[in-house]
C-alpha atoms as a PDB file:
ATOM      1  CA  UNK A   1      28.891 170.244-231.409  1.00  0.00           C
ATOM      2  CA  UNK A   2      29.502 172.050-228.155  1.00  0.00           C
ATOM      3  CA  UNK A   3      27.081 174.580-226.744  1.00  0.00           C
ATOM      4  CA  UNK A   4      27.187 176.763-223.675  1.00  0.00           C
ATOM      5  CA  UNK A   5      24.215 176.409-221.333  1.00  0.00           C
ATOM      6  CA  UNK A   6      23.863 176.847-217.607  1.00  0.00           C
ATOM      7  CA  UNK A   7      24.434 173.884-215.330  1.00  0.00           C
ATOM      8  CA  UNK A   8      20.834 174.174-214.131  1.00  0.00           C
ATOM      9  CA  UNK A   9      19.454 173.970-217.678  1.00  0.00           C
ATOM     10  CA  UNK A  10      21.660 170.972-218.445  1.00  0.00           C
ATOM     11  CA  UNK A  11      20.571 169.170-215.273  1.00  0.00           C
ATOM     12  CA  UNK A  12      16.881 169.816-215.990  1.00  0.00           C
ATOM     13  CA  UNK A  13      17.253 168.703-219.603  1.00  0.00           C
ATOM     14  CA  UNK A  14      19.166 165.581-218.582  1.00  0.00           C
ATOM     15  CA  UNK A  15      16.523 164.701-215.987  1.00  0.00           C
ATOM     16  CA  UNK A  16      13.668 165.187-218.477  1.00  0.00           C
ATOM     17  CA  UNK A  17      15.406 163.028-221.083  1.00  0.00           C
ATOM     18  CA  UNK A  18      16.213 160.318-218.535  1.00  0.00           C
ATOM     19  CA  UNK A  19      12.589 160.168-217.358  1.00  0.00           C
ATOM     20  CA  UNK A  20      11.536 159.569-220.964  1.00  0.00           C
ATOM     21  CA  UNK A  21      14.308 157.078-221.701  1.00  0.00           C
ATOM     22  CA  UNK A  22      15.857 159.345-224.333  1.00  0.00           C
ATOM     23  CA  UNK A  23      19.396 160.424-225.026  1.00  0.00           C
ATOM     24  CA  UNK A  24      19.985 164.155-224.860  1.00  0.00           C
ATOM     25  CA  UNK A  25      21.616 164.082-228.297  1.00  0.00           C
ATOM     26  CA  UNK A  26      18.508 162.474-229.802  1.00  0.00           C
ATOM     27  CA  UNK A  27      16.289 165.207-228.397  1.00  0.00           C
ATOM     28  CA  UNK A  28      18.640 167.979-229.497  1.00  0.00           C
ATOM     29  CA  UNK A  29      18.785 166.580-233.038  1.00  0.00           C
ATOM     30  CA  UNK A  30      14.983 166.364-233.165  1.00  0.00           C
ATOM     31  CA  UNK A  31      14.598 169.912-231.884  1.00  0.00           C
ATOM     32  CA  UNK A  32      17.079 171.191-234.470  1.00  0.00           C
ATOM     33  CA  UNK A  33      15.136 169.416-237.229  1.00  0.00           C
ATOM     34  CA  UNK A  34      11.875 170.970-236.004  1.00  0.00           C
ATOM     35  CA  UNK A  35      13.455 174.405-235.806  1.00  0.00           C
ATOM     36  CA  UNK A  36      14.893 174.122-239.304  1.00  0.00           C
ATOM     37  CA  UNK A  37      11.535 173.074-240.739  1.00  0.00           C
ATOM     38  CA  UNK A  38       9.828 175.997-239.020  1.00  0.00           C
ATOM     39  CA  UNK A  39      12.554 178.383-240.172  1.00  0.00           C
ATOM     40  CA  UNK A  40      12.431 177.159-243.755  1.00  0.00           C
ATOM     41  CA  UNK A  41       8.633 177.273-244.030  1.00  0.00           C
ATOM     42  CA  UNK A  42       8.327 181.076-244.250  1.00  0.00           C
ATOM     43  CA  UNK A  43      10.960 181.151-247.014  1.00  0.00           C
ATOM     44  CA  UNK A  44       8.990 178.601-248.999  1.00  0.00           C
ATOM     45  CA  UNK A  45       5.809 180.584-248.437  1.00  0.00           C
ATOM     46  CA  UNK A  46       7.532 183.770-249.634  1.00  0.00           C
ATOM     47  CA  UNK A  47       8.703 181.966-252.765  1.00  0.00           C
ATOM     48  CA  UNK A  48       5.193 180.683-253.389  1.00  0.00           C
ATOM     49  CA  UNK A  49       3.740 184.187-253.019  1.00  0.00           C
ATOM     50  CA  UNK A  50       6.338 185.570-255.441  1.00  0.00           C
ATOM     51  CA  UNK A  51       5.454 182.857-257.950  1.00  0.00           C
ATOM     52  CA  UNK A  52       1.722 183.525-257.498  1.00  0.00           C
ATOM     53  CA  UNK A  53       2.287 187.260-258.017  1.00  0.00           C
ATOM     54  CA  UNK A  54       4.345 186.603-261.143  1.00  0.00           C
ATOM     55  CA  UNK A  55       1.638 184.309-262.511  1.00  0.00           C
ATOM     56  CA  UNK A  56      -1.053 186.944-262.034  1.00  0.00           C
ATOM     57  CA  UNK A  57       0.948 189.617-263.963  1.00  0.00           C
END
């Protein structure tokens, strides 16, 4: 995957990862996982509410 970010953002991210002994790709993958979970949660909640509404009818 290739993404476009500013040089400053890349340098800051690289420095933060290096200080923590992490690879940038590891952090990016973890952040994507977190984002997907957060993005999927409202959909699941909507489905649950639809099911609850259907059950009460």
